[in-house]
Amino acid sequence: MDLIQSTKLELMQLLLNTNKIEVLQRVKEVLEKESEDFWDELTMEDQNAINEGLSQLDKGEFVSHESVKEEIKNRFNI
């Protein structure tokens, strides 16, 4: 049995043995929060900006890290 499976079994045993509603509610909240998609928490403006950036990448419209480093070196005589 791997670490994940053994941890799950241990957690199930701990959950079955507790009678504290606060503990159960907190565990439930943690598990529900984990399943949420961060995308839904972003504003529409942020989602649009990310989608635009991905679209630009797909079209090859980007500046490479190397060219930015070179431009900085030249501009600031580094």
PDB file of N, CA and C in Angstrom:
ATOM      1  N   MET A   1       0.850  -1.183   0.000  1.00  0.00           N
ATOM      2  CA  MET A   1       0.000   0.000   0.000  1.00  0.00           C
ATOM      3  C   MET A   1       0.892   1.242   0.000  1.00  0.00           C
ATOM      4  N   ASP A   2       0.555   2.189  -0.863  1.00  0.00           N
ATOM      5  CA  ASP A   2       1.377   3.397  -0.952  1.00  0.00           C
ATOM      6  C   ASP A   2       0.978   4.418   0.111  1.00  0.00           C
ATOM      7  N   LEU A   3       1.744   5.492   0.173  1.00  0.00           N
ATOM      8  CA  LEU A   3       1.551   6.520   1.198  1.00  0.00           C
ATOM      9  C   LEU A   3       0.177   7.174   1.107  1.00  0.00           C
ATOM     10  N   ILE A   4      -0.283   7.423  -0.100  1.00  0.00           N
ATOM     11  CA  ILE A   4      -1.586   8.077  -0.268  1.00  0.00           C
ATOM     12  C   ILE A   4      -2.701   7.193   0.277  1.00  0.00           C
ATOM     13  N   GLN A   5      -2.679   5.929  -0.099  1.00  0.00           N
ATOM     14  CA  GLN A   5      -3.734   5.023   0.360  1.00  0.00           C
ATOM     15  C   GLN A   5      -3.697   4.830   1.874  1.00  0.00           C
ATOM     16  N   SER A   6      -2.518   4.695   2.437  1.00  0.00           N
ATOM     17  CA  SER A   6      -2.430   4.502   3.885  1.00  0.00           C
ATOM     18  C   SER A   6      -2.867   5.769   4.632  1.00  0.00           C
ATOM     19  N   THR A   7      -2.563   6.935   4.080  1.00  0.00           N
ATOM     20  CA  THR A   7      -2.995   8.192   4.693  1.00  0.00           C
ATOM     21  C   THR A   7      -4.512   8.320   4.636  1.00  0.00           C
ATOM     22  N   LYS A   8      -5.104   7.938   3.518  1.00  0.00           N
ATOM     23  CA  LYS A   8      -6.562   7.972   3.401  1.00  0.00           C
ATOM     24  C   LYS A   8      -7.213   7.073   4.441  1.00  0.00           C
ATOM     25  N   LEU A   9      -6.684   5.876   4.596  1.00  0.00           N
ATOM     26  CA  LEU A   9      -7.237   4.950   5.589  1.00  0.00           C
ATOM     27  C   LEU A   9      -7.108   5.505   7.005  1.00  0.00           C
ATOM     28  N   GLU A  10      -5.967   6.082   7.297  1.00  0.00           N
ATOM     29  CA  GLU A  10      -5.753   6.684   8.614  1.00  0.00           C
ATOM     30  C   GLU A  10      -6.745   7.815   8.862  1.00  0.00           C
ATOM     31  N   LEU A  11      -6.941   8.680   7.847  1.00  0.00           N
ATOM     32  CA  LEU A  11      -7.892   9.782   7.983  1.00  0.00           C
ATOM     33  C   LEU A  11      -9.324   9.274   8.156  1.00  0.00           C
ATOM     34  N   MET A  12      -9.685   8.245   7.407  1.00  0.00           N
ATOM     35  CA  MET A  12     -11.035   7.682   7.552  1.00  0.00           C
ATOM     36  C   MET A  12     -11.248   7.160   8.962  1.00  0.00           C
ATOM     37  N   GLN A  13     -10.240   6.501   9.507  1.00  0.00           N
ATOM     38  CA  GLN A  13     -10.355   5.984  10.867  1.00  0.00           C
ATOM     39  C   GLN A  13     -10.506   7.124  11.870  1.00  0.00           C
ATOM     40  N   LEU A  14      -9.715   8.179  11.696  1.00  0.00           N
ATOM     41  CA  LEU A  14      -9.820   9.333  12.588  1.00  0.00           C
ATOM     42  C   LEU A  14     -11.196   9.991  12.489  1.00  0.00           C
ATOM     43  N   LEU A  15     -11.717  10.106  11.272  1.00  0.00           N
ATOM     44  CA  LEU A  15     -13.038  10.690  11.078  1.00  0.00           C
ATOM     45  C   LEU A  15     -14.128   9.838  11.723  1.00  0.00           C
ATOM     46  N   LEU A  16     -14.019   8.544  11.568  1.00  0.00           N
ATOM     47  CA  LEU A  16     -15.012   7.647  12.151  1.00  0.00           C
ATOM     48  C   LEU A  16     -14.989   7.693  13.678  1.00  0.00           C
ATOM     49  N   ASN A  17     -13.831   7.956  14.235  1.00  0.00           N
ATOM     50  CA  ASN A  17     -13.692   7.934  15.688  1.00  0.00           C
ATOM     51  C   ASN A  17     -14.016   9.265  16.370  1.00  0.00           C
ATOM     52  N   THR A  18     -14.155  10.333  15.603  1.00  0.00           N
ATOM     53  CA  THR A  18     -14.426  11.625  16.245  1.00  0.00           C
ATOM     54  C   THR A  18     -15.922  11.869  16.370  1.00  0.00           C
ATOM     55  N   ASN A  19     -16.269  12.534  17.444  1.00  0.00           N
ATOM     56  CA  ASN A  19     -17.653  12.950  17.656  1.00  0.00           C
ATOM     57  C   ASN A  19     -17.752  14.466  17.732  1.00  0.00           C
ATOM     58  N   LYS A  20     -16.702  15.127  17.328  1.00  0.00           N
ATOM     59  CA  LYS A  20     -16.665  16.589  17.375  1.00  0.00           C
ATOM     60  C   LYS A  20     -17.143  17.153  16.040  1.00  0.00           C
ATOM     61  N   ILE A  21     -18.293  17.772  16.077  1.00  0.00           N
ATOM     62  CA  ILE A  21     -18.882  18.319  14.851  1.00  0.00           C
ATOM     63  C   ILE A  21     -18.000  19.399  14.242  1.00  0.00           C
ATOM     64  N   GLU A  22     -17.299  20.162  15.082  1.00  0.00           N
ATOM     65  CA  GLU A  22     -16.426  21.226  14.572  1.00  0.00           C
ATOM     66  C   GLU A  22     -15.309  20.642  13.706  1.00  0.00           C
ATOM     67  N   VAL A  23     -14.755  19.539  14.151  1.00  0.00           N
ATOM     68  CA  VAL A  23     -13.681  18.883  13.392  1.00  0.00           C
ATOM     69  C   VAL A  23     -14.222  18.400  12.055  1.00  0.00           C
ATOM     70  N   LEU A  24     -15.368  17.763  12.090  1.00  0.00           N
ATOM     71  CA  LEU A  24     -15.959  17.240  10.852  1.00  0.00           C
ATOM     72  C   LEU A  24     -16.292  18.371   9.879  1.00  0.00           C
ATOM     73  N   GLN A  25     -16.811  19.475  10.393  1.00  0.00           N
ATOM     74  CA  GLN A  25     -17.138  20.607   9.532  1.00  0.00           C
ATOM     75  C   GLN A  25     -15.884  21.211   8.913  1.00  0.00           C
ATOM     76  N   ARG A  26     -14.816  21.312   9.703  1.00  0.00           N
ATOM     77  CA  ARG A  26     -13.570  21.882   9.175  1.00  0.00           C
ATOM     78  C   ARG A  26     -12.966  20.987   8.106  1.00  0.00           C
ATOM     79  N   VAL A  27     -12.997  19.682   8.320  1.00  0.00           N
ATOM     80  CA  VAL A  27     -12.483  18.752   7.308  1.00  0.00           C
ATOM     81  C   VAL A  27     -13.309  18.876   6.036  1.00  0.00           C
ATOM     82  N   LYS A  28     -14.616  18.952   6.197  1.00  0.00           N
ATOM     83  CA  LYS A  28     -15.506  19.095   5.038  1.00  0.00           C
ATOM     84  C   LYS A  28     -15.194  20.372   4.265  1.00  0.00           C
ATOM     85  N   GLU A  29     -14.995  21.477   4.995  1.00  0.00           N
ATOM     86  CA  GLU A  29     -14.667  22.753   4.351  1.00  0.00           C
ATOM     87  C   GLU A  29     -13.364  22.667   3.564  1.00  0.00           C
ATOM     88  N   VAL A  30     -12.370  22.031   4.153  1.00  0.00           N
ATOM     89  CA  VAL A  30     -11.070  21.886   3.486  1.00  0.00           C
ATOM     90  C   VAL A  30     -11.239  21.085   2.197  1.00  0.00           C
ATOM     91  N   LEU A  31     -11.966  19.988   2.265  1.00  0.00           N
ATOM     92  CA  LEU A  31     -12.144  19.146   1.080  1.00  0.00           C
ATOM     93  C   LEU A  31     -12.974  19.840   0.010  1.00  0.00           C
ATOM     94  N   GLU A  32     -13.981  20.587   0.417  1.00  0.00           N
ATOM     95  CA  GLU A  32     -14.787  21.325  -0.560  1.00  0.00           C
ATOM     96  C   GLU A  32     -13.979  22.434  -1.203  1.00  0.00           C
ATOM     97  N   LYS A  33     -13.154  23.114  -0.419  1.00  0.00           N
ATOM     98  CA  LYS A  33     -12.322  24.199  -0.937  1.00  0.00           C
ATOM     99  C   LYS A  33     -11.326  23.656  -1.961  1.00  0.00           C
ATOM    100  N   GLU A  34     -10.793  22.474  -1.690  1.00  0.00           N
ATOM    101  CA  GLU A  34      -9.812  21.874  -2.591  1.00  0.00           C
ATOM    102  C   GLU A  34     -10.410  21.584  -3.961  1.00  0.00           C
ATOM    103  N   SER A  35     -11.676  21.244  -3.993  1.00  0.00           N
ATOM    104  CA  SER A  35     -12.295  20.869  -5.260  1.00  0.00           C
ATOM    105  C   SER A  35     -12.736  22.072  -6.089  1.00  0.00           C
ATOM    106  N   GLU A  36     -12.685  23.284  -5.502  1.00  0.00           N
ATOM    107  CA  GLU A  36     -13.052  24.485  -6.241  1.00  0.00           C
ATOM    108  C   GLU A  36     -11.990  24.802  -7.284  1.00  0.00           C
ATOM    109  N   ASP A  37     -12.415  25.305  -8.401  1.00  0.00           N
ATOM    110  CA  ASP A  37     -11.497  25.695  -9.463  1.00  0.00           C
ATOM    111  C   ASP A  37     -11.136  27.167  -9.275  1.00  0.00           C
ATOM    112  N   PHE A  38      -9.843  27.457  -9.213  1.00  0.00           N
ATOM    113  CA  PHE A  38      -9.406  28.837  -9.004  1.00  0.00           C
ATOM    114  C   PHE A  38      -9.941  29.757 -10.095  1.00  0.00           C
ATOM    115  N   TRP A  39     -10.166  29.217 -11.274  1.00  0.00           N
ATOM    116  CA  TRP A  39     -10.630  30.012 -12.411  1.00  0.00           C
ATOM    117  C   TRP A  39     -11.929  30.735 -12.071  1.00  0.00           C
ATOM    118  N   ASP A  40     -12.805  30.055 -11.354  1.00  0.00           N
ATOM    119  CA  ASP A  40     -14.093  30.646 -11.000  1.00  0.00           C
ATOM    120  C   ASP A  40     -13.951  31.800 -10.013  1.00  0.00           C
ATOM    121  N   GLU A  41     -12.825  31.858  -9.323  1.00  0.00           N
ATOM    122  CA  GLU A  41     -12.597  32.921  -8.348  1.00  0.00           C
ATOM    123  C   GLU A  41     -11.985  34.174  -8.992  1.00  0.00           C
ATOM    124  N   LEU A  42     -11.518  34.046 -10.229  1.00  0.00           N
ATOM    125  CA  LEU A  42     -10.933  35.184 -10.928  1.00  0.00           C
ATOM    126  C   LEU A  42     -12.025  36.099 -11.456  1.00  0.00           C
ATOM    127  N   THR A  43     -11.700  37.378 -11.562  1.00  0.00           N
ATOM    128  CA  THR A  43     -12.651  38.311 -12.157  1.00  0.00           C
ATOM    129  C   THR A  43     -12.715  38.047 -13.661  1.00  0.00           C
ATOM    130  N   MET A  44     -13.780  38.509 -14.279  1.00  0.00           N
ATOM    131  CA  MET A  44     -13.929  38.349 -15.723  1.00  0.00           C
ATOM    132  C   MET A  44     -12.782  39.055 -16.443  1.00  0.00           C
ATOM    133  N   GLU A  45     -12.357  40.185 -15.906  1.00  0.00           N
ATOM    134  CA  GLU A  45     -11.239  40.928 -16.495  1.00  0.00           C
ATOM    135  C   GLU A  45      -9.963  40.075 -16.487  1.00  0.00           C
ATOM    136  N   ASP A  46      -9.697  39.420 -15.367  1.00  0.00           N
ATOM    137  CA  ASP A  46      -8.515  38.560 -15.279  1.00  0.00           C
ATOM    138  C   ASP A  46      -8.629  37.362 -16.220  1.00  0.00           C
ATOM    139  N   GLN A  47      -9.806  36.754 -16.278  1.00  0.00           N
ATOM    140  CA  GLN A  47     -10.011  35.621 -17.184  1.00  0.00           C
ATOM    141  C   GLN A  47      -9.781  36.032 -18.631  1.00  0.00           C
ATOM    142  N   ASN A  48     -10.310  37.203 -19.014  1.00  0.00           N
ATOM    143  CA  ASN A  48     -10.124  37.694 -20.379  1.00  0.00           C
ATOM    144  C   ASN A  48      -8.658  37.972 -20.678  1.00  0.00           C
ATOM    145  N   ALA A  49      -7.933  38.542 -19.701  1.00  0.00           N
ATOM    146  CA  ALA A  49      -6.509  38.834 -19.903  1.00  0.00           C
ATOM    147  C   ALA A  49      -5.716  37.545 -20.090  1.00  0.00           C
ATOM    148  N   ILE A  50      -6.023  36.540 -19.307  1.00  0.00           N
ATOM    149  CA  ILE A  50      -5.333  35.248 -19.434  1.00  0.00           C
ATOM    150  C   ILE A  50      -5.646  34.621 -20.781  1.00  0.00           C
ATOM    151  N   ASN A  51      -6.909  34.639 -21.161  1.00  0.00           N
ATOM    152  CA  ASN A  51      -7.289  34.065 -22.457  1.00  0.00           C
ATOM    153  C   ASN A  51      -6.621  34.799 -23.618  1.00  0.00           C
ATOM    154  N   GLU A  52      -6.533  36.112 -23.503  1.00  0.00           N
ATOM    155  CA  GLU A  52      -5.868  36.895 -24.547  1.00  0.00           C
ATOM    156  C   GLU A  52      -4.387  36.520 -24.633  1.00  0.00           C
ATOM    157  N   GLY A  53      -3.744  36.392 -23.477  1.00  0.00           N
ATOM    158  CA  GLY A  53      -2.331  36.001 -23.452  1.00  0.00           C
ATOM    159  C   GLY A  53      -2.115  34.628 -24.056  1.00  0.00           C
ATOM    160  N   LEU A  54      -2.986  33.689 -23.734  1.00  0.00           N
ATOM    161  CA  LEU A  54      -2.868  32.340 -24.310  1.00  0.00           C
ATOM    162  C   LEU A  54      -3.065  32.372 -25.821  1.00  0.00           C
ATOM    163  N   SER A  55      -4.002  33.194 -26.265  1.00  0.00           N
ATOM    164  CA  SER A  55      -4.247  33.339 -27.698  1.00  0.00           C
ATOM    165  C   SER A  55      -3.016  33.910 -28.406  1.00  0.00           C
ATOM    166  N   GLN A  56      -2.406  34.908 -27.782  1.00  0.00           N
ATOM    167  CA  GLN A  56      -1.189  35.498 -28.358  1.00  0.00           C
ATOM    168  C   GLN A  56      -0.067  34.468 -28.430  1.00  0.00           C
ATOM    169  N   LEU A  57       0.073  33.664 -27.389  1.00  0.00           N
ATOM    170  CA  LEU A  57       1.095  32.613 -27.408  1.00  0.00           C
ATOM    171  C   LEU A  57       0.849  31.635 -28.545  1.00  0.00           C
ATOM    172  N   ASP A  58      -0.415  31.236 -28.718  1.00  0.00           N
ATOM    173  CA  ASP A  58      -0.765  30.303 -29.786  1.00  0.00           C
ATOM    174  C   ASP A  58      -0.412  30.866 -31.165  1.00  0.00           C
ATOM    175  N   LYS A  59      -0.501  32.191 -31.316  1.00  0.00           N
ATOM    176  CA  LYS A  59      -0.197  32.843 -32.592  1.00  0.00           C
ATOM    177  C   LYS A  59       1.293  33.159 -32.740  1.00  0.00           C
ATOM    178  N   GLY A  60       2.072  32.840 -31.701  1.00  0.00           N
ATOM    179  CA  GLY A  60       3.498  33.140 -31.750  1.00  0.00           C
ATOM    180  C   GLY A  60       3.818  34.584 -31.439  1.00  0.00           C
ATOM    181  N   GLU A  61       2.872  35.293 -30.858  1.00  0.00           N
ATOM    182  CA  GLU A  61       3.065  36.709 -30.531  1.00  0.00           C
ATOM    183  C   GLU A  61       3.591  36.848 -29.106  1.00  0.00           C
ATOM    184  N   PHE A  62       4.875  36.710 -28.969  1.00  0.00           N
ATOM    185  CA  PHE A  62       5.487  36.835 -27.653  1.00  0.00           C
ATOM    186  C   PHE A  62       6.933  37.253 -27.802  1.00  0.00           C
ATOM    187  N   VAL A  63       7.519  37.673 -26.694  1.00  0.00           N
ATOM    188  CA  VAL A  63       8.925  38.054 -26.658  1.00  0.00           C
ATOM    189  C   VAL A  63       9.630  37.036 -25.769  1.00  0.00           C
ATOM    190  N   SER A  64      10.702  36.457 -26.264  1.00  0.00           N
ATOM    191  CA  SER A  64      11.396  35.431 -25.497  1.00  0.00           C
ATOM    192  C   SER A  64      12.125  36.025 -24.298  1.00  0.00           C
ATOM    193  N   HIS A  65      12.340  35.206 -23.321  1.00  0.00           N
ATOM    194  CA  HIS A  65      13.058  35.614 -22.124  1.00  0.00           C
ATOM    195  C   HIS A  65      14.471  36.066 -22.490  1.00  0.00           C
ATOM    196  N   GLU A  66      15.096  35.350 -23.381  1.00  0.00           N
ATOM    197  CA  GLU A  66      16.454  35.696 -23.810  1.00  0.00           C
ATOM    198  C   GLU A  66      16.505  37.084 -24.447  1.00  0.00           C
ATOM    199  N   SER A  67      15.532  37.401 -25.290  1.00  0.00           N
ATOM    200  CA  SER A  67      15.562  38.717 -25.942  1.00  0.00           C
ATOM    201  C   SER A  67      15.296  39.839 -24.935  1.00  0.00           C
ATOM    202  N   VAL A  68      14.471  39.580 -23.940  1.00  0.00           N
ATOM    203  CA  VAL A  68      14.228  40.587 -22.900  1.00  0.00           C
ATOM    204  C   VAL A  68      15.498  40.808 -22.091  1.00  0.00           C
ATOM    205  N   LYS A  69      16.189  39.731 -21.737  1.00  0.00           N
ATOM    206  CA  LYS A  69      17.444  39.868 -20.998  1.00  0.00           C
ATOM    207  C   LYS A  69      18.462  40.659 -21.804  1.00  0.00           C
ATOM    208  N   GLU A  70      18.545  40.380 -23.083  1.00  0.00           N
ATOM    209  CA  GLU A  70      19.484  41.089 -23.951  1.00  0.00           C
ATOM    210  C   GLU A  70      19.131  42.571 -24.035  1.00  0.00           C
ATOM    211  N   GLU A  71      17.852  42.883 -24.152  1.00  0.00           N
ATOM    212  CA  GLU A  71      17.417  44.275 -24.207  1.00  0.00           C
ATOM    213  C   GLU A  71      17.762  45.011 -22.905  1.00  0.00           C
ATOM    214  N   ILE A  72      17.573  44.375 -21.783  1.00  0.00           N
ATOM    215  CA  ILE A  72      17.909  44.977 -20.483  1.00  0.00           C
ATOM    216  C   ILE A  72      19.415  45.229 -20.391  1.00  0.00           C
ATOM    217  N   LYS A  73      20.196  44.262 -20.808  1.00  0.00           N
ATOM    218  CA  LYS A  73      21.653  44.430 -20.792  1.00  0.00           C
ATOM    219  C   LYS A  73      22.068  45.635 -21.612  1.00  0.00           C
ATOM    220  N   ASN A  74      21.514  45.733 -22.810  1.00  0.00           N
ATOM    221  CA  ASN A  74      21.863  46.832 -23.701  1.00  0.00           C
ATOM    222  C   ASN A  74      21.379  48.181 -23.173  1.00  0.00           C
ATOM    223  N   ARG A  75      20.179  48.206 -22.649  1.00  0.00           N
ATOM    224  CA  ARG A  75      19.613  49.459 -22.183  1.00  0.00           C
ATOM    225  C   ARG A  75      20.331  50.015 -20.962  1.00  0.00           C
ATOM    226  N   PHE A  76      20.746  49.130 -20.068  1.00  0.00           N
ATOM    227  CA  PHE A  76      21.353  49.566 -18.811  1.00  0.00           C
ATOM    228  C   PHE A  76      22.860  49.295 -18.737  1.00  0.00           C
ATOM    229  N   ASN A  77      23.445  48.917 -19.882  1.00  0.00           N
ATOM    230  CA  ASN A  77      24.886  48.651 -19.968  1.00  0.00           C
ATOM    231  C   ASN A  77      25.356  47.676 -18.867  1.00  0.00           C
ATOM    232  N   ILE A  78      24.679  46.601 -18.746  1.00  0.00           N
ATOM    233  CA  ILE A  78      25.023  45.601 -17.736  1.00  0.00           C
ATOM    234  C   ILE A  78      25.955  44.556 -18.331  1.00  0.00           C
TER     235      ILE A  78
END
